[in-house]
């Protein structure tokens, strides 16, 4: 079913992007000096948040559509996992995001580096939800 396969592709794209942040971008960012690290995080966050939200929305909508077309509950389960990072982001990550976005480049302190590191660990949960959704969609598509 093409709708389910598209849901799987969108979920895998979301997951790949989230994992990339954790395994490539975050370590590279943390290797920068404090000011450059913060500036890179801000630019990356502004771009990635729109892309990740869009991919999650598409993957969720396609999963729900696949459920209604097939009546296979696994599509609905995947569709529940893929937007699960939204409440996590709003309730847990957003306070860290606000703190980092409000920090001026000339006001960077050691606590800023610790906050960026903490943000990376929190972001790992987003990656885990994406992995779960992708695996469930893969199971449903098999």
N, C-alpha and C. Protein backbone atom coordinates (compact mmCIF):
# COMPACT_ATOMS: atom_id res chain seq x y z
N UNK A 1 0.86 -1.18 0.00
CA UNK A 1 0.00 0.00 0.00
C UNK A 1 0.90 1.24 0.00
N UNK A 2 0.74 2.08 -1.00
CA UNK A 2 1.60 3.24 -1.21
C UNK A 2 1.52 4.23 -0.05
N UNK A 3 0.35 4.43 0.53
CA UNK A 3 0.20 5.39 1.63
C UNK A 3 1.04 4.94 2.83
N UNK A 4 0.99 3.67 3.14
CA UNK A 4 1.79 3.15 4.24
C UNK A 4 3.28 3.26 3.97
N UNK A 5 3.66 2.98 2.72
CA UNK A 5 5.08 3.09 2.37
C UNK A 5 5.56 4.53 2.47
N UNK A 6 4.71 5.47 2.09
CA UNK A 6 5.06 6.89 2.23
C UNK A 6 5.15 7.29 3.70
N UNK A 7 4.28 6.73 4.55
CA UNK A 7 4.37 6.98 5.99
C UNK A 7 5.70 6.48 6.52
N UNK A 8 6.09 5.31 6.08
CA UNK A 8 7.37 4.74 6.49
C UNK A 8 8.53 5.62 6.05
N UNK A 9 8.50 6.09 4.82
CA UNK A 9 9.56 6.96 4.31
C UNK A 9 9.64 8.26 5.13
N UNK A 10 8.51 8.87 5.40
CA UNK A 10 8.50 10.12 6.17
C UNK A 10 8.99 9.89 7.59
N UNK A 11 8.58 8.79 8.21
CA UNK A 11 9.04 8.48 9.57
C UNK A 11 10.54 8.20 9.58
N UNK A 12 11.01 7.49 8.56
CA UNK A 12 12.45 7.20 8.48
C UNK A 12 13.25 8.48 8.25
N UNK A 13 12.72 9.40 7.46
CA UNK A 13 13.40 10.69 7.25
C UNK A 13 13.47 11.48 8.56
N UNK A 14 12.35 11.52 9.30
CA UNK A 14 12.34 12.18 10.61
C UNK A 14 13.38 11.55 11.52
N UNK A 15 13.39 10.24 11.58
CA UNK A 15 14.29 9.51 12.46
C UNK A 15 15.75 9.72 12.05
N UNK A 16 16.01 9.64 10.77
CA UNK A 16 17.38 9.87 10.30
C UNK A 16 17.88 11.25 10.65
N UNK A 17 17.03 12.25 10.48
CA UNK A 17 17.43 13.62 10.83
C UNK A 17 17.68 13.75 12.32
N UNK A 18 16.81 13.15 13.12
CA UNK A 18 16.97 13.23 14.58
C UNK A 18 18.24 12.53 15.03
N UNK A 19 18.50 11.36 14.47
CA UNK A 19 19.72 10.63 14.84
C UNK A 19 20.96 11.39 14.38
N UNK A 20 20.89 11.98 13.19
CA UNK A 20 22.02 12.76 12.69
C UNK A 20 22.39 13.85 13.69
N UNK A 21 21.40 14.53 14.23
CA UNK A 21 21.66 15.58 15.22
C UNK A 21 22.44 15.00 16.40
N UNK A 22 22.00 13.83 16.88
CA UNK A 22 22.64 13.25 18.06
C UNK A 22 24.03 12.69 17.81
N UNK A 23 24.24 12.05 16.66
CA UNK A 23 25.53 11.36 16.46
C UNK A 23 26.55 12.17 15.67
N UNK A 24 26.13 13.19 14.93
CA UNK A 24 27.08 13.96 14.13
C UNK A 24 27.09 15.44 14.51
N UNK A 25 25.94 16.07 14.46
CA UNK A 25 25.90 17.51 14.66
C UNK A 25 26.21 17.91 16.10
N UNK A 26 25.62 17.24 17.07
CA UNK A 26 25.84 17.62 18.47
C UNK A 26 27.30 17.45 18.88
N UNK A 27 27.96 16.31 18.58
CA UNK A 27 29.38 16.22 18.94
C UNK A 27 30.24 17.28 18.24
N UNK A 28 29.93 17.58 16.98
CA UNK A 28 30.69 18.61 16.27
C UNK A 28 30.47 19.98 16.91
N UNK A 29 29.24 20.26 17.28
CA UNK A 29 28.90 21.52 17.94
C UNK A 29 29.64 21.66 19.26
N UNK A 30 29.68 20.58 20.03
CA UNK A 30 30.34 20.63 21.33
C UNK A 30 31.86 20.77 21.22
N UNK A 31 32.43 20.51 20.04
CA UNK A 31 33.87 20.68 19.85
C UNK A 31 34.24 22.14 19.57
N UNK A 32 33.25 23.00 19.34
CA UNK A 32 33.50 24.42 19.07
C UNK A 32 33.73 25.18 20.37
N UNK A 33 34.26 26.38 20.26
CA UNK A 33 34.35 27.23 21.45
C UNK A 33 32.94 27.63 21.86
N UNK A 34 32.77 28.10 23.07
CA UNK A 34 31.44 28.32 23.65
C UNK A 34 30.55 29.23 22.80
N UNK A 35 31.09 30.34 22.35
CA UNK A 35 30.28 31.29 21.58
C UNK A 35 29.85 30.69 20.24
N UNK A 36 30.79 30.08 19.52
CA UNK A 36 30.48 29.46 18.22
C UNK A 36 29.50 28.31 18.40
N UNK A 37 29.66 27.56 19.49
CA UNK A 37 28.75 26.44 19.78
C UNK A 37 27.31 26.93 19.91
N UNK A 38 27.13 28.00 20.68
CA UNK A 38 25.79 28.54 20.88
C UNK A 38 25.21 29.08 19.57
N UNK A 39 26.00 29.81 18.81
CA UNK A 39 25.52 30.36 17.54
C UNK A 39 25.15 29.25 16.56
N UNK A 40 25.96 28.19 16.52
CA UNK A 40 25.65 27.08 15.63
C UNK A 40 24.37 26.40 16.08
N UNK A 41 24.19 26.20 17.39
CA UNK A 41 22.96 25.58 17.91
C UNK A 41 21.74 26.41 17.49
N UNK A 42 21.82 27.72 17.64
CA UNK A 42 20.68 28.58 17.31
C UNK A 42 20.31 28.47 15.83
N UNK A 43 21.30 28.55 14.95
CA UNK A 43 21.01 28.45 13.51
C UNK A 43 20.44 27.08 13.17
N UNK A 44 21.05 26.05 13.72
CA UNK A 44 20.60 24.69 13.44
C UNK A 44 19.18 24.48 13.96
N UNK A 45 18.92 24.92 15.17
CA UNK A 45 17.60 24.73 15.77
C UNK A 45 16.52 25.40 14.94
N UNK A 46 16.76 26.63 14.51
CA UNK A 46 15.76 27.35 13.72
C UNK A 46 15.41 26.60 12.44
N UNK A 47 16.40 26.03 11.79
CA UNK A 47 16.16 25.31 10.54
C UNK A 47 15.55 23.93 10.79
N UNK A 48 16.10 23.21 11.74
CA UNK A 48 15.69 21.82 11.96
C UNK A 48 14.29 21.71 12.56
N UNK A 49 13.90 22.65 13.40
CA UNK A 49 12.59 22.53 14.06
C UNK A 49 11.45 22.53 13.04
N UNK A 50 11.55 23.35 12.02
CA UNK A 50 10.50 23.40 11.00
C UNK A 50 10.49 22.09 10.20
N UNK A 51 11.68 21.62 9.80
CA UNK A 51 11.76 20.39 9.01
C UNK A 51 11.25 19.19 9.81
N UNK A 52 11.69 19.06 11.06
CA UNK A 52 11.30 17.91 11.87
C UNK A 52 9.80 17.91 12.15
N UNK A 53 9.24 19.07 12.46
CA UNK A 53 7.80 19.14 12.71
C UNK A 53 7.01 18.76 11.46
N UNK A 54 7.46 19.24 10.31
CA UNK A 54 6.78 18.91 9.06
C UNK A 54 6.83 17.43 8.74
N UNK A 55 8.01 16.82 8.92
CA UNK A 55 8.13 15.38 8.67
C UNK A 55 7.25 14.57 9.62
N UNK A 56 7.21 14.97 10.88
CA UNK A 56 6.37 14.26 11.85
C UNK A 56 4.89 14.38 11.48
N UNK A 57 4.48 15.56 11.08
CA UNK A 57 3.09 15.77 10.70
C UNK A 57 2.71 14.92 9.48
N UNK A 58 3.56 14.91 8.48
CA UNK A 58 3.30 14.11 7.28
C UNK A 58 3.28 12.62 7.62
N UNK A 59 4.27 12.16 8.40
CA UNK A 59 4.34 10.74 8.76
C UNK A 59 3.12 10.33 9.57
N UNK A 60 2.66 11.20 10.46
CA UNK A 60 1.48 10.89 11.26
C UNK A 60 0.22 10.83 10.38
N UNK A 61 0.02 11.84 9.54
CA UNK A 61 -1.17 11.87 8.68
C UNK A 61 -1.21 10.66 7.74
N UNK A 62 -0.07 10.31 7.18
CA UNK A 62 -0.03 9.16 6.29
C UNK A 62 -0.27 7.85 7.05
N UNK A 63 0.24 7.76 8.27
CA UNK A 63 -0.01 6.58 9.08
C UNK A 63 -1.48 6.42 9.42
N UNK A 64 -2.13 7.52 9.75
CA UNK A 64 -3.57 7.48 10.03
C UNK A 64 -4.34 7.08 8.77
N UNK A 65 -3.95 7.65 7.63
CA UNK A 65 -4.61 7.29 6.37
C UNK A 65 -4.41 5.80 6.07
N UNK A 66 -3.19 5.29 6.29
CA UNK A 66 -2.92 3.87 6.05
C UNK A 66 -3.78 3.00 6.97
N UNK A 67 -3.98 3.45 8.20
CA UNK A 67 -4.84 2.71 9.12
C UNK A 67 -6.27 2.63 8.56
N UNK A 68 -6.81 3.76 8.14
CA UNK A 68 -8.19 3.77 7.64
C UNK A 68 -8.35 2.97 6.35
N UNK A 69 -7.29 2.94 5.55
CA UNK A 69 -7.36 2.17 4.31
C UNK A 69 -7.23 0.67 4.53
N UNK A 70 -6.46 0.29 5.56
CA UNK A 70 -6.18 -1.14 5.78
C UNK A 70 -6.85 -1.73 7.02
N UNK A 71 -7.23 -0.85 7.95
CA UNK A 71 -7.74 -1.24 9.27
C UNK A 71 -6.72 -2.08 10.04
N UNK A 72 -5.45 -1.88 9.74
CA UNK A 72 -4.35 -2.54 10.46
C UNK A 72 -3.90 -1.59 11.58
N UNK A 73 -4.11 -2.00 12.83
CA UNK A 73 -3.84 -1.18 14.00
C UNK A 73 -2.38 -0.74 14.10
N UNK A 74 -1.47 -1.44 13.45
CA UNK A 74 -0.05 -1.09 13.55
C UNK A 74 0.23 0.28 12.92
N UNK A 75 -0.51 0.63 11.87
CA UNK A 75 -0.33 1.95 11.27
C UNK A 75 -0.74 3.04 12.25
N UNK A 76 -1.79 2.78 12.99
CA UNK A 76 -2.24 3.76 13.99
C UNK A 76 -1.24 3.87 15.13
N UNK A 77 -0.67 2.75 15.54
CA UNK A 77 0.35 2.77 16.60
C UNK A 77 1.56 3.60 16.16
N UNK A 78 2.03 3.38 14.95
CA UNK A 78 3.13 4.19 14.43
C UNK A 78 2.78 5.67 14.37
N UNK A 79 1.52 5.93 13.97
CA UNK A 79 1.05 7.31 13.89
C UNK A 79 0.97 7.97 15.26
N UNK A 80 0.87 7.19 16.31
CA UNK A 80 0.89 7.74 17.67
C UNK A 80 2.32 8.00 18.14
N UNK A 81 3.26 7.16 17.74
CA UNK A 81 4.65 7.33 18.15
C UNK A 81 5.31 8.54 17.49
N UNK A 82 5.01 8.79 16.22
CA UNK A 82 5.75 9.82 15.50
C UNK A 82 5.51 11.23 16.05
N UNK A 83 4.30 11.62 16.49
CA UNK A 83 4.17 12.95 17.08
C UNK A 83 4.45 12.98 18.59
N UNK A 84 4.78 11.84 19.17
CA UNK A 84 5.06 11.80 20.61
C UNK A 84 6.17 12.76 21.04
N UNK A 85 7.14 13.08 20.18
CA UNK A 85 8.14 14.07 20.60
C UNK A 85 7.58 15.47 20.83
N UNK A 86 6.41 15.78 20.28
CA UNK A 86 5.88 17.13 20.46
C UNK A 86 5.61 17.47 21.92
N UNK A 87 4.86 16.66 22.67
CA UNK A 87 4.67 17.00 24.09
C UNK A 87 6.01 16.98 24.85
N UNK A 88 6.88 16.04 24.51
CA UNK A 88 8.20 15.97 25.14
C UNK A 88 8.97 17.27 24.88
N UNK A 89 8.89 17.74 23.65
CA UNK A 89 9.59 18.97 23.28
C UNK A 89 8.99 20.16 24.02
N UNK A 90 7.68 20.26 24.02
CA UNK A 90 7.02 21.41 24.64
C UNK A 90 7.25 21.43 26.16
N UNK A 91 7.09 20.28 26.80
CA UNK A 91 7.15 20.24 28.26
C UNK A 91 8.57 20.14 28.82
N UNK A 92 9.46 19.45 28.12
CA UNK A 92 10.78 19.16 28.69
C UNK A 92 11.91 19.93 27.98
N UNK A 93 11.91 19.92 26.66
CA UNK A 93 13.02 20.54 25.94
C UNK A 93 12.83 22.05 25.78
N UNK A 94 11.60 22.52 25.64
CA UNK A 94 11.35 23.93 25.37
C UNK A 94 11.96 24.88 26.40
N UNK A 95 11.93 24.57 27.70
CA UNK A 95 12.59 25.49 28.64
C UNK A 95 14.09 25.64 28.35
N UNK A 96 14.74 24.57 27.96
CA UNK A 96 16.16 24.64 27.61
C UNK A 96 16.33 25.44 26.32
N UNK A 97 15.44 25.19 25.34
CA UNK A 97 15.49 25.95 24.08
C UNK A 97 15.38 27.45 24.36
N UNK A 98 14.42 27.84 25.17
CA UNK A 98 14.21 29.26 25.47
C UNK A 98 15.43 29.88 26.14
N UNK A 99 16.00 29.14 27.07
CA UNK A 99 17.19 29.64 27.77
C UNK A 99 18.33 29.85 26.77
N UNK A 100 18.56 28.87 25.90
CA UNK A 100 19.65 28.98 24.94
C UNK A 100 19.38 30.08 23.91
N UNK A 101 18.17 30.20 23.43
CA UNK A 101 17.85 31.22 22.44
C UNK A 101 17.95 32.62 23.04
N UNK A 102 17.70 32.76 24.34
CA UNK A 102 17.77 34.05 25.00
C UNK A 102 19.20 34.46 25.38
N UNK A 103 20.13 33.53 25.29
CA UNK A 103 21.51 33.82 25.67
C UNK A 103 22.21 34.54 24.52
N UNK A 104 22.70 35.73 24.79
CA UNK A 104 23.44 36.49 23.77
C UNK A 104 24.82 35.87 23.60
N UNK A 105 25.37 36.01 22.41
CA UNK A 105 26.68 35.44 22.11
C UNK A 105 27.78 35.93 23.04
N UNK A 106 27.68 37.18 23.48
CA UNK A 106 28.71 37.72 24.38
C UNK A 106 28.41 37.43 25.85
N UNK A 107 27.33 36.71 26.12
CA UNK A 107 26.96 36.37 27.49
C UNK A 107 27.11 34.87 27.77
N UNK A 108 27.82 34.18 26.89
CA UNK A 108 27.98 32.73 27.04
C UNK A 108 28.82 32.45 28.28
N UNK A 109 28.37 31.48 29.07
CA UNK A 109 29.08 31.05 30.27
C UNK A 109 29.23 29.54 30.24
N UNK A 110 29.91 29.01 31.24
CA UNK A 110 30.09 27.56 31.28
C UNK A 110 28.74 26.84 31.40
N UNK A 111 27.76 27.48 32.01
CA UNK A 111 26.44 26.88 32.13
C UNK A 111 25.78 26.73 30.75
N UNK A 112 26.16 27.59 29.81
CA UNK A 112 25.62 27.50 28.45
C UNK A 112 26.07 26.20 27.80
N UNK A 113 27.34 25.87 27.94
CA UNK A 113 27.86 24.61 27.38
C UNK A 113 27.14 23.42 28.03
N UNK A 114 26.94 23.48 29.32
CA UNK A 114 26.22 22.41 30.01
C UNK A 114 24.79 22.30 29.50
N UNK A 115 24.16 23.44 29.23
CA UNK A 115 22.78 23.43 28.71
C UNK A 115 22.71 22.84 27.31
N UNK A 116 23.68 23.15 26.46
CA UNK A 116 23.70 22.56 25.12
C UNK A 116 23.91 21.05 25.22
N UNK A 117 24.78 20.62 26.11
CA UNK A 117 24.97 19.18 26.32
C UNK A 117 23.70 18.50 26.83
N UNK A 118 23.03 19.15 27.77
CA UNK A 118 21.77 18.63 28.30
C UNK A 118 20.71 18.56 27.20
N UNK A 119 20.66 19.60 26.36
CA UNK A 119 19.72 19.62 25.25
C UNK A 119 19.95 18.40 24.34
N UNK A 120 21.19 18.07 24.08
CA UNK A 120 21.50 16.93 23.22
C UNK A 120 20.98 15.63 23.80
N UNK A 121 21.13 15.46 25.11
CA UNK A 121 20.62 14.24 25.75
C UNK A 121 19.09 14.20 25.68
N UNK A 122 18.45 15.33 25.89
CA UNK A 122 16.99 15.39 25.79
C UNK A 122 16.53 15.11 24.36
N UNK A 123 17.28 15.59 23.40
CA UNK A 123 16.94 15.37 21.99
C UNK A 123 17.01 13.88 21.64
N UNK A 124 17.84 13.13 22.34
CA UNK A 124 17.93 11.69 22.10
C UNK A 124 16.59 10.99 22.29
N UNK A 125 15.74 11.51 23.15
CA UNK A 125 14.40 10.93 23.34
C UNK A 125 13.57 11.12 22.07
N UNK A 126 13.73 12.26 21.41
CA UNK A 126 13.04 12.48 20.13
C UNK A 126 13.47 11.42 19.12
N UNK A 127 14.76 11.14 19.10
CA UNK A 127 15.28 10.11 18.19
C UNK A 127 14.66 8.75 18.52
N UNK A 128 14.54 8.44 19.80
CA UNK A 128 13.98 7.14 20.22
C UNK A 128 12.53 7.00 19.77
N UNK A 129 11.74 8.05 19.90
CA UNK A 129 10.35 8.00 19.43
C UNK A 129 10.31 7.79 17.92
N UNK A 130 11.19 8.44 17.20
CA UNK A 130 11.25 8.25 15.75
C UNK A 130 11.62 6.83 15.37
N UNK A 131 12.57 6.25 16.10
CA UNK A 131 12.95 4.86 15.84
C UNK A 131 11.76 3.94 16.08
N UNK A 132 11.04 4.18 17.18
CA UNK A 132 9.88 3.34 17.49
C UNK A 132 8.84 3.44 16.38
N UNK A 133 8.53 4.65 15.93
CA UNK A 133 7.52 4.82 14.88
C UNK A 133 7.98 4.15 13.59
N UNK A 134 9.23 4.33 13.24
CA UNK A 134 9.75 3.75 12.00
C UNK A 134 9.69 2.23 12.05
N UNK A 135 10.06 1.66 13.17
CA UNK A 135 10.03 0.20 13.30
C UNK A 135 8.60 -0.34 13.23
N UNK A 136 7.66 0.37 13.84
CA UNK A 136 6.26 -0.08 13.78
C UNK A 136 5.73 0.03 12.35
N UNK A 137 6.05 1.13 11.68
CA UNK A 137 5.63 1.28 10.28
C UNK A 137 6.28 0.18 9.41
N UNK A 138 7.53 -0.12 9.67
CA UNK A 138 8.21 -1.18 8.91
C UNK A 138 7.51 -2.52 9.14
N UNK A 139 7.15 -2.78 10.38
CA UNK A 139 6.43 -4.01 10.74
C UNK A 139 5.09 -4.06 9.99
N UNK A 140 4.38 -2.93 9.97
CA UNK A 140 3.08 -2.91 9.28
C UNK A 140 3.24 -3.07 7.78
N UNK A 141 4.31 -2.55 7.24
CA UNK A 141 4.52 -2.62 5.78
C UNK A 141 5.00 -3.99 5.33
N UNK A 142 5.57 -4.74 6.25
CA UNK A 142 6.16 -6.05 5.88
C UNK A 142 5.10 -7.08 5.53
